[in-house]
PDB file of all heavy atoms in Angstrom:
ATOM      1  N   SER A   1       4.353  24.169 -30.166  1.00  0.00           N
ATOM      2  CA  SER A   1       5.151  23.904 -28.959  1.00  0.00           C
ATOM      3  C   SER A   1       6.659  24.003 -29.180  1.00  0.00           C
ATOM      4  O   SER A   1       7.390  24.344 -28.251  1.00  0.00           O
ATOM      5  CB  SER A   1       4.804  22.531 -28.393  1.00  0.00           C
ATOM      6  OG  SER A   1       5.108  21.524 -29.329  1.00  0.00           O
ATOM      7  N   PHE A   2       7.154  23.735 -30.383  1.00  0.00           N
ATOM      8  CA  PHE A   2       8.607  23.771 -30.593  1.00  0.00           C
ATOM      9  C   PHE A   2       9.178  25.166 -30.434  1.00  0.00           C
ATOM     10  O   PHE A   2      10.369  25.335 -30.178  1.00  0.00           O
ATOM     11  CB  PHE A   2       9.004  23.175 -31.949  1.00  0.00           C
ATOM     12  CG  PHE A   2       8.268  23.754 -33.117  1.00  0.00           C
ATOM     13  CD1 PHE A   2       8.587  24.994 -33.638  1.00  0.00           C
ATOM     14  CD2 PHE A   2       7.231  23.045 -33.692  1.00  0.00           C
ATOM     15  CE1 PHE A   2       7.901  25.516 -34.700  1.00  0.00           C
ATOM     16  CE2 PHE A   2       6.543  23.557 -34.770  1.00  0.00           C
ATOM     17  CZ  PHE A   2       6.878  24.800 -35.278  1.00  0.00           C
ATOM     18  N   PHE A   3       8.333  26.205 -30.527  1.00  0.00           N
ATOM     19  CA  PHE A   3       8.824  27.566 -30.332  1.00  0.00           C
ATOM     20  C   PHE A   3       9.259  27.814 -28.891  1.00  0.00           C
ATOM     21  O   PHE A   3      10.043  28.719 -28.627  1.00  0.00           O
ATOM     22  CB  PHE A   3       7.772  28.600 -30.735  1.00  0.00           C
ATOM     23  CG  PHE A   3       7.672  28.796 -32.220  1.00  0.00           C
ATOM     24  CD1 PHE A   3       6.464  28.629 -32.865  1.00  0.00           C
ATOM     25  CD2 PHE A   3       8.780  29.149 -32.971  1.00  0.00           C
ATOM     26  CE1 PHE A   3       6.357  28.812 -34.231  1.00  0.00           C
ATOM     27  CE2 PHE A   3       8.693  29.333 -34.342  1.00  0.00           C
ATOM     28  CZ  PHE A   3       7.471  29.159 -34.973  1.00  0.00           C
ATOM     29  N   LEU A   4       8.762  27.014 -27.954  1.00  0.00           N
ATOM     30  CA  LEU A   4       9.148  27.191 -26.547  1.00  0.00           C
ATOM     31  C   LEU A   4      10.633  26.953 -26.334  1.00  0.00           C
ATOM     32  O   LEU A   4      11.252  27.578 -25.477  1.00  0.00           O
ATOM     33  CB  LEU A   4       8.334  26.242 -25.662  1.00  0.00           C
ATOM     34  CG  LEU A   4       6.830  26.498 -25.627  1.00  0.00           C
ATOM     35  CD1 LEU A   4       6.133  25.405 -24.828  1.00  0.00           C
ATOM     36  CD2 LEU A   4       6.531  27.873 -25.049  1.00  0.00           C
ATOM     37  N   GLY A   5      11.222  26.045 -27.120  1.00  0.00           N
ATOM     38  CA  GLY A   5      12.624  25.709 -26.905  1.00  0.00           C
ATOM     39  C   GLY A   5      13.552  26.068 -28.041  1.00  0.00           C
ATOM     40  O   GLY A   5      14.760  25.954 -27.913  1.00  0.00           O
ATOM     41  N   HIS A   6      13.012  26.492 -29.170  1.00  0.00           N
ATOM     42  CA  HIS A   6      13.854  26.840 -30.314  1.00  0.00           C
ATOM     43  C   HIS A   6      14.072  28.339 -30.318  1.00  0.00           C
ATOM     44  O   HIS A   6      13.234  29.100 -30.765  1.00  0.00           O
ATOM     45  CB  HIS A   6      13.205  26.367 -31.623  1.00  0.00           C
ATOM     46  CG  HIS A   6      14.152  26.351 -32.777  1.00  0.00           C
ATOM     47  ND1 HIS A   6      14.077  27.258 -33.806  1.00  0.00           N
ATOM     48  CD2 HIS A   6      15.200  25.544 -33.052  1.00  0.00           C
ATOM     49  CE1 HIS A   6      15.039  26.995 -34.677  1.00  0.00           C
ATOM     50  NE2 HIS A   6      15.730  25.964 -34.239  1.00  0.00           N
ATOM     51  N   PHE A   7      15.204  28.750 -29.753  1.00  0.00           N
ATOM     52  CA  PHE A   7      15.552  30.145 -29.557  1.00  0.00           C
ATOM     53  C   PHE A   7      14.510  30.856 -28.684  1.00  0.00           C
ATOM     54  O   PHE A   7      13.814  31.773 -29.136  1.00  0.00           O
ATOM     55  CB  PHE A   7      15.718  30.884 -30.893  1.00  0.00           C
ATOM     56  CG  PHE A   7      16.876  30.389 -31.707  1.00  0.00           C
ATOM     57  CD1 PHE A   7      16.696  29.369 -32.632  1.00  0.00           C
ATOM     58  CD2 PHE A   7      18.135  30.928 -31.537  1.00  0.00           C
ATOM     59  CE1 PHE A   7      17.762  28.895 -33.379  1.00  0.00           C
ATOM     60  CE2 PHE A   7      19.209  30.464 -32.283  1.00  0.00           C
ATOM     61  CZ  PHE A   7      19.015  29.443 -33.208  1.00  0.00           C
ATOM     62  N   PRO A   8      14.385  30.424 -27.410  1.00  0.00           N
ATOM     63  CA  PRO A   8      13.423  31.065 -26.505  1.00  0.00           C
ATOM     64  C   PRO A   8      13.617  32.585 -26.467  1.00  0.00           C
ATOM     65  O   PRO A   8      14.728  33.074 -26.555  1.00  0.00           O
ATOM     66  CB  PRO A   8      13.747  30.447 -25.146  1.00  0.00           C
ATOM     67  CG  PRO A   8      14.422  29.161 -25.467  1.00  0.00           C
ATOM     68  CD  PRO A   8      15.169  29.399 -26.753  1.00  0.00           C
ATOM     69  N   ASN A   9      12.537  33.284 -26.364  1.00  0.00           N
ATOM     70  CA  ASN A   9      12.499  34.752 -26.347  1.00  0.00           C
ATOM     71  C   ASN A   9      12.871  35.381 -27.693  1.00  0.00           C
ATOM     72  O   ASN A   9      12.883  36.588 -27.827  1.00  0.00           O
ATOM     73  CB  ASN A   9      13.380  35.332 -25.236  1.00  0.00           C
ATOM     74  CG  ASN A   9      12.954  34.824 -23.884  1.00  0.00           C
ATOM     75  OD1 ASN A   9      11.757  34.730 -23.603  1.00  0.00           O
ATOM     76  ND2 ASN A   9      13.913  34.455 -23.058  1.00  0.00           N
ATOM     77  N   ASN A  10      13.227  34.568 -28.670  1.00  0.00           N
ATOM     78  CA  ASN A  10      13.496  35.033 -30.024  1.00  0.00           C
ATOM     79  C   ASN A  10      13.163  33.879 -30.982  1.00  0.00           C
ATOM     80  O   ASN A  10      14.036  33.377 -31.676  1.00  0.00           O
ATOM     81  CB  ASN A  10      14.966  35.456 -30.176  1.00  0.00           C
ATOM     82  CG  ASN A  10      15.228  36.098 -31.519  1.00  0.00           C
ATOM     83  OD1 ASN A  10      14.332  36.624 -32.150  1.00  0.00           O
ATOM     84  ND2 ASN A  10      16.465  36.025 -31.971  1.00  0.00           N
ATOM     85  N   PRO A  11      11.896  33.417 -30.996  1.00  0.00           N
ATOM     86  CA  PRO A  11      11.557  32.191 -31.711  1.00  0.00           C
ATOM     87  C   PRO A  11      11.683  32.323 -33.229  1.00  0.00           C
ATOM     88  O   PRO A  11      11.306  33.343 -33.803  1.00  0.00           O
ATOM     89  CB  PRO A  11      10.102  31.946 -31.314  1.00  0.00           C
ATOM     90  CG  PRO A  11       9.573  33.290 -30.957  1.00  0.00           C
ATOM     91  CD  PRO A  11      10.734  34.054 -30.381  1.00  0.00           C
ATOM     92  N   ILE A  12      12.283  31.285 -33.840  1.00  0.00           N
ATOM     93  CA  ILE A  12      12.302  31.174 -35.295  1.00  0.00           C
ATOM     94  C   ILE A  12      11.854  29.767 -35.665  1.00  0.00           C
ATOM     95  O   ILE A  12      12.026  28.815 -34.901  1.00  0.00           O
ATOM     96  CB  ILE A  12      13.678  31.498 -35.914  1.00  0.00           C
ATOM     97  CG1 ILE A  12      14.745  30.514 -35.458  1.00  0.00           C
ATOM     98  CG2 ILE A  12      14.089  32.915 -35.603  1.00  0.00           C
ATOM     99  CD1 ILE A  12      16.044  30.633 -36.229  1.00  0.00           C
ATOM    100  N   PHE A  13      11.250  29.648 -36.817  1.00  0.00           N
ATOM    101  CA  PHE A  13      10.781  28.367 -37.324  1.00  0.00           C
ATOM    102  C   PHE A  13      12.006  27.537 -37.706  1.00  0.00           C
ATOM    103  O   PHE A  13      12.865  28.018 -38.456  1.00  0.00           O
ATOM    104  CB  PHE A  13       9.879  28.618 -38.535  1.00  0.00           C
ATOM    105  CG  PHE A  13       9.140  27.416 -39.037  1.00  0.00           C
ATOM    106  CD1 PHE A  13       8.259  26.728 -38.225  1.00  0.00           C
ATOM    107  CD2 PHE A  13       9.301  26.996 -40.347  1.00  0.00           C
ATOM    108  CE1 PHE A  13       7.546  25.637 -38.699  1.00  0.00           C
ATOM    109  CE2 PHE A  13       8.593  25.911 -40.831  1.00  0.00           C
ATOM    110  CZ  PHE A  13       7.719  25.225 -40.011  1.00  0.00           C
ATOM    111  N   PRO A  14      12.127  26.311 -37.195  1.00  0.00           N
ATOM    112  CA  PRO A  14      13.317  25.498 -37.483  1.00  0.00           C
ATOM    113  C   PRO A  14      13.499  25.235 -38.980  1.00  0.00           C
ATOM    114  O   PRO A  14      12.542  24.899 -39.694  1.00  0.00           O
ATOM    115  CB  PRO A  14      13.039  24.192 -36.734  1.00  0.00           C
ATOM    116  CG  PRO A  14      12.094  24.580 -35.636  1.00  0.00           C
ATOM    117  CD  PRO A  14      11.224  25.654 -36.240  1.00  0.00           C
ATOM    118  N   GLY A  15      14.719  25.377 -39.447  1.00  0.00           N
ATOM    119  CA  GLY A  15      15.032  25.153 -40.858  1.00  0.00           C
ATOM    120  C   GLY A  15      14.673  23.760 -41.324  1.00  0.00           C
ATOM    121  O   GLY A  15      14.229  23.569 -42.465  1.00  0.00           O
ATOM    122  N   ILE A  16      14.845  22.771 -40.478  1.00  0.00           N
ATOM    123  CA  ILE A  16      14.514  21.405 -40.869  1.00  0.00           C
ATOM    124  C   ILE A  16      13.022  21.272 -41.141  1.00  0.00           C
ATOM    125  O   ILE A  16      12.600  20.462 -41.979  1.00  0.00           O
ATOM    126  CB  ILE A  16      15.010  20.385 -39.808  1.00  0.00           C
ATOM    127  CG1 ILE A  16      14.989  18.965 -40.362  1.00  0.00           C
ATOM    128  CG2 ILE A  16      14.227  20.492 -38.533  1.00  0.00           C
ATOM    129  CD1 ILE A  16      15.983  18.712 -41.441  1.00  0.00           C
ATOM    130  N   PHE A  17      12.196  22.083 -40.481  1.00  0.00           N
ATOM    131  CA  PHE A  17      10.754  22.046 -40.736  1.00  0.00           C
ATOM    132  C   PHE A  17      10.406  22.741 -42.063  1.00  0.00           C
ATOM    133  O   PHE A  17       9.407  22.411 -42.698  1.00  0.00           O
ATOM    134  CB  PHE A  17       9.969  22.659 -39.587  1.00  0.00           C
ATOM    135  CG  PHE A  17      10.040  21.882 -38.300  1.00  0.00           C
ATOM    136  CD1 PHE A  17       9.614  22.450 -37.120  1.00  0.00           C
ATOM    137  CD2 PHE A  17      10.518  20.583 -38.244  1.00  0.00           C
ATOM    138  CE1 PHE A  17       9.657  21.748 -35.916  1.00  0.00           C
ATOM    139  CE2 PHE A  17      10.569  19.867 -37.062  1.00  0.00           C
ATOM    140  CZ  PHE A  17      10.136  20.450 -35.892  1.00  0.00           C
ATOM    141  N   ILE A  18      11.227  23.703 -42.462  1.00  0.00           N
ATOM    142  CA  ILE A  18      11.044  24.302 -43.788  1.00  0.00           C
ATOM    143  C   ILE A  18      11.280  23.226 -44.846  1.00  0.00           C
ATOM    144  O   ILE A  18      10.476  23.055 -45.767  1.00  0.00           O
ATOM    145  CB  ILE A  18      11.991  25.499 -44.002  1.00  0.00           C
ATOM    146  CG1 ILE A  18      11.712  26.613 -42.992  1.00  0.00           C
ATOM    147  CG2 ILE A  18      11.872  26.026 -45.440  1.00  0.00           C
ATOM    148  CD1 ILE A  18      12.739  27.739 -42.992  1.00  0.00           C
ATOM    149  N   LEU A  19      12.375  22.475 -44.686  1.00  0.00           N
ATOM    150  CA  LEU A  19      12.647  21.371 -45.610  1.00  0.00           C
ATOM    151  C   LEU A  19      11.540  20.318 -45.541  1.00  0.00           C
ATOM    152  O   LEU A  19      11.127  19.774 -46.568  1.00  0.00           O
ATOM    153  CB  LEU A  19      13.997  20.728 -45.301  1.00  0.00           C
ATOM    154  CG  LEU A  19      15.232  21.557 -45.637  1.00  0.00           C
ATOM    155  CD1 LEU A  19      16.486  20.869 -45.109  1.00  0.00           C
ATOM    156  CD2 LEU A  19      15.340  21.799 -47.128  1.00  0.00           C
ATOM    157  N   GLU A  20      11.054  20.037 -44.343  1.00  0.00           N
ATOM    158  CA  GLU A  20       9.967  19.063 -44.180  1.00  0.00           C
ATOM    159  C   GLU A  20       8.711  19.524 -44.926  1.00  0.00           C
ATOM    160  O   GLU A  20       8.016  18.699 -45.539  1.00  0.00           O
ATOM    161  CB  GLU A  20       9.659  18.840 -42.700  1.00  0.00           C
ATOM    162  CG  GLU A  20       8.560  17.835 -42.440  1.00  0.00           C
ATOM    163  CD  GLU A  20       8.868  16.412 -42.868  1.00  0.00           C
ATOM    164  OE1 GLU A  20      10.052  16.026 -42.902  1.00  0.00           O
ATOM    165  OE2 GLU A  20       7.913  15.675 -43.180  1.00  0.00           O
ATOM    166  N   SER A  21       8.428  20.800 -44.908  1.00  0.00           N
ATOM    167  CA  SER A  21       7.281  21.323 -45.649  1.00  0.00           C
ATOM    168  C   SER A  21       7.465  21.081 -47.149  1.00  0.00           C
ATOM    169  O   SER A  21       6.515  20.716 -47.852  1.00  0.00           O
ATOM    170  CB  SER A  21       7.101  22.812 -45.359  1.00  0.00           C
ATOM    171  OG  SER A  21       5.986  23.317 -46.026  1.00  0.00           O
ATOM    172  N   MET A  22       8.692  21.260 -47.642  1.00  0.00           N
ATOM    173  CA  MET A  22       8.978  20.969 -49.050  1.00  0.00           C
ATOM    174  C   MET A  22       8.784  19.485 -49.339  1.00  0.00           C
ATOM    175  O   MET A  22       8.183  19.111 -50.363  1.00  0.00           O
ATOM    176  CB  MET A  22      10.418  21.358 -49.392  1.00  0.00           C
ATOM    177  CG  MET A  22      10.695  22.816 -49.440  1.00  0.00           C
ATOM    178  SD  MET A  22      12.445  23.043 -49.870  1.00  0.00           S
ATOM    179  CE  MET A  22      12.621  24.784 -49.571  1.00  0.00           C
ATOM    180  N   MET A  23       9.267  18.629 -48.435  1.00  0.00           N
ATOM    181  CA  MET A  23       9.159  17.187 -48.645  1.00  0.00           C
ATOM    182  C   MET A  23       7.709  16.726 -48.597  1.00  0.00           C
ATOM    183  O   MET A  23       7.290  15.871 -49.388  1.00  0.00           O
ATOM    184  CB  MET A  23      10.015  16.444 -47.618  1.00  0.00           C
ATOM    185  CG  MET A  23      11.505  16.658 -47.835  1.00  0.00           C
ATOM    186  SD  MET A  23      12.554  15.784 -46.667  1.00  0.00           S
ATOM    187  CE  MET A  23      12.683  16.972 -45.354  1.00  0.00           C
ATOM    188  N   GLN A  24       6.913  17.285 -47.689  1.00  0.00           N
ATOM    189  CA  GLN A  24       5.494  16.932 -47.630  1.00  0.00           C
ATOM    190  C   GLN A  24       4.780  17.404 -48.889  1.00  0.00           C
ATOM    191  O   GLN A  24       3.931  16.689 -49.438  1.00  0.00           O
ATOM    192  CB  GLN A  24       4.857  17.506 -46.365  1.00  0.00           C
ATOM    193  CG  GLN A  24       5.321  16.814 -45.104  1.00  0.00           C
ATOM    194  CD  GLN A  24       4.726  17.401 -43.836  1.00  0.00           C
ATOM    195  OE1 GLN A  24       3.748  18.130 -43.857  1.00  0.00           O
ATOM    196  NE2 GLN A  24       5.331  17.061 -42.695  1.00  0.00           N
ATOM    197  N   SER A  25       5.124  18.587 -49.376  1.00  0.00           N
ATOM    198  CA  SER A  25       4.533  19.087 -50.625  1.00  0.00           C
ATOM    199  C   SER A  25       4.903  18.174 -51.789  1.00  0.00           C
ATOM    200  O   SER A  25       4.055  17.866 -52.642  1.00  0.00           O
ATOM    201  CB  SER A  25       5.002  20.519 -50.899  1.00  0.00           C
ATOM    202  OG  SER A  25       4.534  21.394 -49.889  1.00  0.00           O
ATOM    203  N   ALA A  26       6.142  17.712 -51.820  1.00  0.00           N
ATOM    204  CA  ALA A  26       6.564  16.770 -52.864  1.00  0.00           C
ATOM    205  C   ALA A  26       5.785  15.467 -52.748  1.00  0.00           C
ATOM    206  O   ALA A  26       5.356  14.898 -53.762  1.00  0.00           O
ATOM    207  CB  ALA A  26       8.066  16.518 -52.755  1.00  0.00           C
ATOM    208  N   GLY A  27       5.577  14.981 -51.530  1.00  0.00           N
ATOM    209  CA  GLY A  27       4.796  13.766 -51.327  1.00  0.00           C
ATOM    210  C   GLY A  27       3.370  13.906 -51.812  1.00  0.00           C
ATOM    211  O   GLY A  27       2.789  12.972 -52.378  1.00  0.00           O
ATOM    212  N   ILE A  28       2.788  15.079 -51.614  1.00  0.00           N
ATOM    213  CA  ILE A  28       1.430  15.339 -52.109  1.00  0.00           C
ATOM    214  C   ILE A  28       1.420  15.312 -53.633  1.00  0.00           C
ATOM    215  O   ILE A  28       0.533  14.712 -54.249  1.00  0.00           O
ATOM    216  CB  ILE A  28       0.899  16.671 -51.558  1.00  0.00           C
ATOM    217  CG1 ILE A  28       0.724  16.573 -50.034  1.00  0.00           C
ATOM    218  CG2 ILE A  28      -0.411  17.060 -52.243  1.00  0.00           C
ATOM    219  CD1 ILE A  28       0.543  17.904 -49.342  1.00  0.00           C
ATOM    220  N   LEU A  29       2.427  15.932 -54.262  1.00  0.00           N
ATOM    221  CA  LEU A  29       2.508  15.916 -55.719  1.00  0.00           C
ATOM    222  C   LEU A  29       2.678  14.491 -56.247  1.00  0.00           C
ATOM    223  O   LEU A  29       2.060  14.117 -57.249  1.00  0.00           O
ATOM    224  CB  LEU A  29       3.636  16.821 -56.209  1.00  0.00           C
ATOM    225  CG  LEU A  29       3.779  16.968 -57.724  1.00  0.00           C
ATOM    226  CD1 LEU A  29       2.477  17.427 -58.378  1.00  0.00           C
ATOM    227  CD2 LEU A  29       4.917  17.926 -58.049  1.00  0.00           C
ATOM    228  N   ILE A  30       3.472  13.682 -55.564  1.00  0.00           N
ATOM    229  CA  ILE A  30       3.611  12.277 -55.952  1.00  0.00           C
ATOM    230  C   ILE A  30       2.240  11.599 -55.896  1.00  0.00           C
ATOM    231  O   ILE A  30       1.858  10.867 -56.807  1.00  0.00           O
ATOM    232  CB  ILE A  30       4.624  11.555 -55.042  1.00  0.00           C
ATOM    233  CG1 ILE A  30       6.041  12.048 -55.321  1.00  0.00           C
ATOM    234  CG2 ILE A  30       4.537  10.031 -55.233  1.00  0.00           C
ATOM    235  CD1 ILE A  30       7.070  11.602 -54.293  1.00  0.00           C
ATOM    236  N   GLY A  31       1.491  11.856 -54.832  1.00  0.00           N
ATOM    237  CA  GLY A  31       0.160  11.267 -54.700  1.00  0.00           C
ATOM    238  C   GLY A  31      -0.798  11.729 -55.780  1.00  0.00           C
ATOM    239  O   GLY A  31      -1.558  10.935 -56.336  1.00  0.00           O
ATOM    240  N   ILE A  32      -0.760  13.015 -56.101  1.00  0.00           N
ATOM    241  CA  ILE A  32      -1.618  13.546 -57.163  1.00  0.00           C
ATOM    242  C   ILE A  32      -1.280  12.880 -58.495  1.00  0.00           C
ATOM    243  O   ILE A  32      -2.158  12.560 -59.284  1.00  0.00           O
ATOM    244  CB  ILE A  32      -1.469  15.084 -57.260  1.00  0.00           C
ATOM    245  CG1 ILE A  32      -2.128  15.742 -56.046  1.00  0.00           C
ATOM    246  CG2 ILE A  32      -2.066  15.614 -58.565  1.00  0.00           C
ATOM    247  CD1 ILE A  32      -1.824  17.223 -55.908  1.00  0.00           C
ATOM    248  N   ASN A  33       0.010  12.650 -58.734  1.00  0.00           N
ATOM    249  CA  ASN A  33       0.441  12.030 -59.986  1.00  0.00           C
ATOM    250  C   ASN A  33       0.067  10.563 -60.077  1.00  0.00           C
ATOM    251  O   ASN A  33      -0.025  10.015 -61.168  1.00  0.00           O
ATOM    252  CB  ASN A  33       1.956  12.162 -60.161  1.00  0.00           C
ATOM    253  CG  ASN A  33       2.363  13.591 -60.449  1.00  0.00           C
ATOM    254  OD1 ASN A  33       1.591  14.375 -60.975  1.00  0.00           O
ATOM    255  ND2 ASN A  33       3.576  13.934 -60.085  1.00  0.00           N
ATOM    256  N   ASN A  34      -0.128   9.904 -58.932  1.00  0.00           N
ATOM    257  CA  ASN A  34      -0.404   8.473 -58.895  1.00  0.00           C
ATOM    258  C   ASN A  34      -1.720   8.213 -58.169  1.00  0.00           C
ATOM    259  O   ASN A  34      -1.757   7.477 -57.195  1.00  0.00           O
ATOM    260  CB  ASN A  34       0.734   7.730 -58.181  1.00  0.00           C
ATOM    261  CG  ASN A  34       2.035   7.893 -58.907  1.00  0.00           C
ATOM    262  OD1 ASN A  34       2.207   7.384 -59.997  1.00  0.00           O
ATOM    263  ND2 ASN A  34       2.964   8.636 -58.310  1.00  0.00           N
ATOM    264  N   LEU A  35      -2.785   8.805 -58.655  1.00  0.00           N
ATOM    265  CA  LEU A  35      -4.078   8.700 -57.983  1.00  0.00           C
ATOM    266  C   LEU A  35      -4.530   7.254 -57.798  1.00  0.00           C
ATOM    267  O   LEU A  35      -5.268   6.947 -56.874  1.00  0.00           O
ATOM    268  CB  LEU A  35      -5.140   9.471 -58.768  1.00  0.00           C
ATOM    269  CG  LEU A  35      -4.958  10.989 -58.779  1.00  0.00           C
ATOM    270  CD1 LEU A  35      -5.965  11.644 -59.708  1.00  0.00           C
ATOM    271  CD2 LEU A  35      -5.083  11.565 -57.378  1.00  0.00           C
ATOM    272  N   ASN A  36      -4.058   6.357 -58.644  1.00  0.00           N
ATOM    273  CA  ASN A  36      -4.472   4.958 -58.542  1.00  0.00           C
ATOM    274  C   ASN A  36      -3.850   4.237 -57.351  1.00  0.00           C
ATOM    275  O   ASN A  36      -4.257   3.137 -57.021  1.00  0.00           O
ATOM    276  CB  ASN A  36      -4.128   4.199 -59.832  1.00  0.00           C
ATOM    277  CG  ASN A  36      -2.644   4.250 -60.155  1.00  0.00           C
ATOM    278  OD1 ASN A  36      -1.983   5.237 -59.866  1.00  0.00           O
ATOM    279  ND2 ASN A  36      -2.136   3.218 -60.770  1.00  0.00           N
ATOM    280  N   VAL A  37      -2.873   4.843 -56.676  1.00  0.00           N
ATOM    281  CA  VAL A  37      -2.253   4.179 -55.525  1.00  0.00           C
ATOM    282  C   VAL A  37      -2.675   4.809 -54.203  1.00  0.00           C
ATOM    283  O   VAL A  37      -2.131   4.484 -53.170  1.00  0.00           O
ATOM    284  CB  VAL A  37      -0.707   4.153 -55.625  1.00  0.00           C
ATOM    285  CG1 VAL A  37      -0.268   3.357 -56.819  1.00  0.00           C
ATOM    286  CG2 VAL A  37      -0.127   5.555 -55.653  1.00  0.00           C
ATOM    287  N   VAL A  38      -3.662   5.698 -54.244  1.00  0.00           N
ATOM    288  CA  VAL A  38      -4.166   6.311 -53.012  1.00  0.00           C
ATOM    289  C   VAL A  38      -4.692   5.213 -52.096  1.00  0.00           C
ATOM    290  O   VAL A  38      -5.310   4.251 -52.531  1.00  0.00           O
ATOM    291  CB  VAL A  38      -5.269   7.336 -53.317  1.00  0.00           C
ATOM    292  CG1 VAL A  38      -5.931   7.823 -52.046  1.00  0.00           C
ATOM    293  CG2 VAL A  38      -4.685   8.500 -54.081  1.00  0.00           C
ATOM    294  N   ASN A  39      -4.440   5.378 -50.816  1.00  0.00           N
ATOM    295  CA  ASN A  39      -4.872   4.448 -49.776  1.00  0.00           C
ATOM    296  C   ASN A  39      -4.174   3.089 -49.856  1.00  0.00           C
ATOM    297  O   ASN A  39      -4.587   2.143 -49.224  1.00  0.00           O
ATOM    298  CB  ASN A  39      -6.398   4.249 -49.792  1.00  0.00           C
ATOM    299  CG  ASN A  39      -7.114   5.549 -49.482  1.00  0.00           C
ATOM    300  OD1 ASN A  39      -6.649   6.350 -48.680  1.00  0.00           O
ATOM    301  ND2 ASN A  39      -8.239   5.768 -50.118  1.00  0.00           N
ATOM    302  N   SER A  40      -3.123   2.982 -50.656  1.00  0.00           N
ATOM    303  CA  SER A  40      -2.329   1.761 -50.653  1.00  0.00           C
ATOM    304  C   SER A  40      -1.285   1.894 -49.549  1.00  0.00           C
ATOM    305  O   SER A  40      -1.278   2.855 -48.804  1.00  0.00           O
ATOM    306  CB  SER A  40      -1.646   1.558 -52.008  1.00  0.00           C
ATOM    307  OG  SER A  40      -0.591   2.499 -52.156  1.00  0.00           O
ATOM    308  N   ASN A  41      -0.398   0.983 -49.485  1.00  0.00           N
ATOM    309  CA  ASN A  41       0.673   1.049 -48.488  1.00  0.00           C
ATOM    310  C   ASN A  41       1.914   1.728 -49.045  1.00  0.00           C
ATOM    311  O   ASN A  41       3.018   1.465 -48.593  1.00  0.00           O
ATOM    312  CB  ASN A  41       1.002  -0.361 -47.988  1.00  0.00           C
ATOM    313  CG  ASN A  41      -0.124  -0.918 -47.158  1.00  0.00           C
ATOM    314  OD1 ASN A  41      -0.797  -0.178 -46.450  1.00  0.00           O
ATOM    315  ND2 ASN A  41      -0.345  -2.210 -47.251  1.00  0.00           N
TER     316      ASN A  41
END
């Protein structure tokens, strides 16, 4: 849905979402490294 308003008629993926993808990937790596804290808070 964000493509509807982010450069309409010339949609590009928002740069902040590129960074967010990196941050989510880092969060997954943190989780993989700390398997004993899965499902904790």
